[in-house]
Amino acid sequence: MTPPELVALTEGPRRLPPGRALELGYGTGTNALYFARHGWDVTAVDLIDRAVERARQKAAETGAAYGCCTETAPASTNWTRRARSTCSST
């Protein structure tokens, strides 16, 4: 469930216009998908492959798309070598 604070930012009377969002530790992608469905350009990063796979499944189910990154190597790994892909239905 998307937190009410995020809903207020995108749908409330003082909503922000769609822009760019970075979500760190996005888990199964609930909030990233929410923002993407509301026109935001979202990049989401997580370290857990299983969560990233579920996020990709959820994106495919909804037809939304956003950039997703995962890093499966140890924390000492150079983060500039992370894998980048698009979580989407295609």
N, C-alpha and C. Protein backbone atom coordinates (compact mmCIF):
# COMPACT_ATOMS: atom_id res chain seq x y z
N MET A 1 0.84 -1.17 0.00
CA MET A 1 0.00 0.00 0.00
C MET A 1 0.89 1.24 0.00
N THR A 2 0.56 2.18 -0.84
CA THR A 2 1.32 3.42 -0.91
C THR A 2 0.95 4.30 0.28
N PRO A 3 1.97 4.83 0.97
CA PRO A 3 1.70 5.66 2.14
C PRO A 3 0.88 6.90 1.78
N PRO A 4 0.01 7.34 2.69
CA PRO A 4 -0.84 8.50 2.41
C PRO A 4 -0.04 9.77 2.11
N GLU A 5 1.17 9.87 2.64
CA GLU A 5 2.00 11.05 2.36
C GLU A 5 2.37 11.13 0.88
N LEU A 6 2.62 9.97 0.28
CA LEU A 6 2.95 9.96 -1.15
C LEU A 6 1.71 10.22 -1.99
N VAL A 7 0.59 9.69 -1.57
CA VAL A 7 -0.67 9.95 -2.28
C VAL A 7 -0.96 11.45 -2.26
N ALA A 8 -0.75 12.09 -1.11
CA ALA A 8 -0.98 13.54 -1.01
C ALA A 8 -0.06 14.31 -1.93
N LEU A 9 1.18 13.85 -2.08
CA LEU A 9 2.12 14.54 -2.97
C LEU A 9 1.73 14.45 -4.43
N THR A 10 1.03 13.40 -4.81
CA THR A 10 0.68 13.22 -6.22
C THR A 10 -0.78 13.50 -6.55
N GLU A 11 -1.65 13.43 -5.54
CA GLU A 11 -3.08 13.59 -5.82
C GLU A 11 -3.76 14.66 -4.97
N GLY A 12 -3.09 15.12 -3.93
CA GLY A 12 -3.71 16.06 -3.00
C GLY A 12 -3.83 17.47 -3.57
N PRO A 13 -4.43 18.38 -2.80
CA PRO A 13 -4.65 19.75 -3.26
C PRO A 13 -3.33 20.51 -3.50
N ARG A 14 -2.27 20.10 -2.82
CA ARG A 14 -0.96 20.74 -3.03
C ARG A 14 0.00 19.80 -3.75
N ARG A 15 -0.57 19.01 -4.68
CA ARG A 15 0.22 17.99 -5.37
C ARG A 15 1.35 18.61 -6.19
N LEU A 16 2.41 17.83 -6.29
CA LEU A 16 3.55 18.22 -7.10
C LEU A 16 3.32 17.80 -8.55
N PRO A 17 3.81 18.57 -9.50
CA PRO A 17 3.72 18.12 -10.89
C PRO A 17 4.66 16.94 -11.07
N PRO A 18 4.33 16.03 -11.98
CA PRO A 18 5.22 14.89 -12.21
C PRO A 18 6.63 15.36 -12.54
N GLY A 19 7.59 14.63 -12.01
CA GLY A 19 9.00 14.95 -12.23
C GLY A 19 9.81 13.67 -12.17
N ARG A 20 11.01 13.77 -11.64
CA ARG A 20 11.87 12.60 -11.50
C ARG A 20 11.91 12.17 -10.04
N ALA A 21 11.92 10.84 -9.82
CA ALA A 21 11.97 10.30 -8.46
C ALA A 21 13.01 9.19 -8.41
N LEU A 22 13.71 9.13 -7.30
CA LEU A 22 14.66 8.06 -7.03
C LEU A 22 14.21 7.35 -5.77
N GLU A 23 13.99 6.05 -5.88
CA GLU A 23 13.60 5.28 -4.70
C GLU A 23 14.68 4.26 -4.38
N LEU A 24 15.24 4.37 -3.19
CA LEU A 24 16.28 3.45 -2.74
C LEU A 24 15.64 2.40 -1.84
N GLY A 25 15.96 1.14 -2.10
CA GLY A 25 15.36 0.06 -1.32
C GLY A 25 13.89 -0.09 -1.68
N TYR A 26 13.59 -0.21 -2.97
CA TYR A 26 12.20 -0.19 -3.43
C TYR A 26 11.44 -1.48 -3.24
N GLY A 27 12.10 -2.54 -2.79
CA GLY A 27 11.38 -3.78 -2.50
C GLY A 27 10.65 -4.31 -3.71
N THR A 28 9.36 -4.53 -3.57
CA THR A 28 8.58 -5.10 -4.68
C THR A 28 7.99 -4.04 -5.60
N GLY A 29 8.39 -2.80 -5.43
CA GLY A 29 8.06 -1.75 -6.40
C GLY A 29 6.73 -1.04 -6.23
N THR A 30 6.07 -1.21 -5.12
CA THR A 30 4.75 -0.61 -4.93
C THR A 30 4.77 0.91 -5.15
N ASN A 31 5.66 1.60 -4.49
CA ASN A 31 5.69 3.06 -4.61
C ASN A 31 6.25 3.51 -5.95
N ALA A 32 7.24 2.80 -6.48
CA ALA A 32 7.78 3.14 -7.80
C ALA A 32 6.69 3.02 -8.86
N LEU A 33 5.90 1.96 -8.78
CA LEU A 33 4.80 1.79 -9.72
C LEU A 33 3.75 2.88 -9.56
N TYR A 34 3.47 3.24 -8.33
CA TYR A 34 2.49 4.30 -8.08
C TYR A 34 2.91 5.60 -8.75
N PHE A 35 4.16 6.00 -8.53
CA PHE A 35 4.65 7.23 -9.16
C PHE A 35 4.67 7.11 -10.68
N ALA A 36 5.13 5.98 -11.21
CA ALA A 36 5.17 5.79 -12.66
C ALA A 36 3.79 5.91 -13.28
N ARG A 37 2.79 5.34 -12.62
CA ARG A 37 1.41 5.43 -13.13
C ARG A 37 0.87 6.85 -13.09
N HIS A 38 1.50 7.69 -12.28
CA HIS A 38 1.07 9.09 -12.20
C HIS A 38 1.99 10.02 -12.99
N GLY A 39 2.73 9.46 -13.93
CA GLY A 39 3.50 10.27 -14.86
C GLY A 39 4.92 10.62 -14.45
N TRP A 40 5.39 10.08 -13.34
CA TRP A 40 6.74 10.38 -12.87
C TRP A 40 7.76 9.52 -13.60
N ASP A 41 8.96 10.05 -13.80
CA ASP A 41 10.10 9.32 -14.34
C ASP A 41 10.84 8.75 -13.13
N VAL A 42 10.69 7.45 -12.89
CA VAL A 42 11.17 6.82 -11.65
C VAL A 42 12.36 5.92 -11.92
N THR A 43 13.37 6.05 -11.09
CA THR A 43 14.47 5.08 -11.04
C THR A 43 14.45 4.49 -9.64
N ALA A 44 14.46 3.17 -9.57
CA ALA A 44 14.38 2.48 -8.29
C ALA A 44 15.58 1.54 -8.15
N VAL A 45 16.14 1.48 -6.95
CA VAL A 45 17.33 0.67 -6.69
C VAL A 45 17.06 -0.26 -5.50
N ASP A 46 17.45 -1.52 -5.65
CA ASP A 46 17.35 -2.47 -4.54
C ASP A 46 18.46 -3.49 -4.65
N LEU A 47 18.80 -4.12 -3.55
CA LEU A 47 19.87 -5.11 -3.50
C LEU A 47 19.36 -6.55 -3.53
N ILE A 48 18.08 -6.75 -3.37
CA ILE A 48 17.52 -8.10 -3.22
C ILE A 48 16.92 -8.57 -4.54
N ASP A 49 17.57 -9.57 -5.16
CA ASP A 49 17.11 -10.06 -6.46
C ASP A 49 15.66 -10.53 -6.44
N ARG A 50 15.26 -11.21 -5.38
CA ARG A 50 13.89 -11.73 -5.30
C ARG A 50 12.86 -10.59 -5.31
N ALA A 51 13.16 -9.53 -4.59
CA ALA A 51 12.26 -8.37 -4.59
C ALA A 51 12.22 -7.70 -5.95
N VAL A 52 13.37 -7.59 -6.59
CA VAL A 52 13.43 -6.98 -7.92
C VAL A 52 12.62 -7.79 -8.92
N GLU A 53 12.73 -9.10 -8.84
CA GLU A 53 11.95 -9.95 -9.74
C GLU A 53 10.45 -9.75 -9.52
N ARG A 54 10.02 -9.66 -8.27
CA ARG A 54 8.60 -9.42 -7.98
C ARG A 54 8.17 -8.04 -8.49
N ALA A 55 9.05 -7.06 -8.37
CA ALA A 55 8.74 -5.72 -8.89
C ALA A 55 8.55 -5.77 -10.41
N ARG A 56 9.38 -6.54 -11.08
CA ARG A 56 9.24 -6.68 -12.53
C ARG A 56 7.92 -7.35 -12.89
N GLN A 57 7.54 -8.36 -12.12
CA GLN A 57 6.26 -9.03 -12.36
C GLN A 57 5.09 -8.06 -12.17
N LYS A 58 5.15 -7.27 -11.08
CA LYS A 58 4.08 -6.32 -10.83
C LYS A 58 4.00 -5.27 -11.93
N ALA A 59 5.15 -4.82 -12.43
CA ALA A 59 5.16 -3.85 -13.53
C ALA A 59 4.51 -4.45 -14.77
N ALA A 60 4.83 -5.70 -15.06
CA ALA A 60 4.24 -6.36 -16.22
C ALA A 60 2.73 -6.50 -16.07
N GLU A 61 2.28 -6.80 -14.87
CA GLU A 61 0.85 -6.95 -14.62
C GLU A 61 0.08 -5.64 -14.80
N THR A 62 0.72 -4.53 -14.47
CA THR A 62 0.03 -3.24 -14.53
C THR A 62 0.30 -2.48 -15.83
N GLY A 63 1.35 -2.87 -16.56
CA GLY A 63 1.70 -2.16 -17.78
C GLY A 63 2.50 -0.89 -17.53
N ALA A 64 2.87 -0.61 -16.29
CA ALA A 64 3.67 0.57 -15.97
C ALA A 64 5.14 0.26 -16.22
N ALA A 65 5.93 1.30 -16.37
CA ALA A 65 7.36 1.11 -16.59
C ALA A 65 8.15 2.14 -15.79
N TYR A 66 9.30 1.71 -15.28
CA TYR A 66 10.22 2.60 -14.58
C TYR A 66 11.60 1.96 -14.62
N GLY A 67 12.63 2.75 -14.43
CA GLY A 67 13.99 2.22 -14.41
C GLY A 67 14.24 1.50 -13.10
N CYS A 68 14.84 0.33 -13.17
CA CYS A 68 15.15 -0.39 -11.93
C CYS A 68 16.59 -0.88 -11.99
N CYS A 69 17.26 -0.78 -10.87
CA CYS A 69 18.64 -1.21 -10.76
C CYS A 69 18.75 -2.21 -9.63
N THR A 70 19.65 -3.16 -9.81
CA THR A 70 19.95 -4.09 -8.74
C THR A 70 21.44 -4.31 -8.68
N GLU A 71 21.94 -4.56 -7.52
CA GLU A 71 23.35 -4.87 -7.32
C GLU A 71 23.41 -6.13 -6.48
N THR A 72 23.93 -7.20 -7.05
CA THR A 72 23.93 -8.46 -6.33
C THR A 72 25.30 -8.81 -5.75
N ALA A 73 26.31 -8.03 -6.04
CA ALA A 73 27.66 -8.29 -5.53
C ALA A 73 27.78 -7.77 -4.10
N PRO A 74 28.84 -8.13 -3.38
CA PRO A 74 29.04 -7.64 -2.02
C PRO A 74 29.06 -6.11 -1.96
N ALA A 75 28.81 -5.58 -0.79
CA ALA A 75 28.72 -4.13 -0.62
C ALA A 75 30.01 -3.41 -1.01
N SER A 76 31.14 -4.10 -1.00
CA SER A 76 32.41 -3.46 -1.35
C SER A 76 32.57 -3.28 -2.86
N THR A 77 31.66 -3.81 -3.65
CA THR A 77 31.74 -3.72 -5.10
C THR A 77 31.55 -2.29 -5.56
N ASN A 78 32.20 -1.94 -6.64
CA ASN A 78 32.06 -0.61 -7.25
C ASN A 78 30.64 -0.45 -7.79
N TRP A 79 29.88 0.49 -7.25
CA TRP A 79 28.48 0.68 -7.64
C TRP A 79 28.32 1.21 -9.05
N THR A 80 29.38 1.71 -9.67
CA THR A 80 29.25 2.20 -11.04
C THR A 80 29.06 1.05 -12.02
N ARG A 81 29.25 -0.20 -11.55
CA ARG A 81 29.05 -1.36 -12.42
C ARG A 81 27.69 -2.01 -12.21
N ARG A 82 26.75 -1.33 -11.63
CA ARG A 82 25.44 -1.92 -11.36
C ARG A 82 24.69 -2.23 -12.66
N ALA A 83 23.78 -3.16 -12.57
CA ALA A 83 22.96 -3.52 -13.73
C ALA A 83 21.76 -2.60 -13.79
N ARG A 84 21.45 -2.08 -14.96
CA ARG A 84 20.28 -1.22 -15.12
C ARG A 84 19.36 -1.85 -16.15
N SER A 85 18.11 -1.89 -15.83
CA SER A 85 17.12 -2.42 -16.75
C SER A 85 15.82 -1.65 -16.54
N THR A 86 14.86 -1.92 -17.38
CA THR A 86 13.56 -1.30 -17.23
C THR A 86 12.58 -2.31 -16.71
N CYS A 87 11.88 -1.95 -15.63
CA CYS A 87 10.80 -2.79 -15.13
C CYS A 87 9.57 -2.40 -15.91
N SER A 88 9.13 -3.27 -16.77
CA SER A 88 7.96 -2.95 -17.60
C SER A 88 7.34 -4.23 -18.11
N SER A 89 6.29 -4.07 -18.87
CA SER A 89 5.59 -5.23 -19.41
C SER A 89 6.22 -5.71 -20.69
N THR A 90 7.22 -5.01 -21.18
CA THR A 90 7.86 -5.43 -22.44
C THR A 90 9.26 -5.92 -22.21
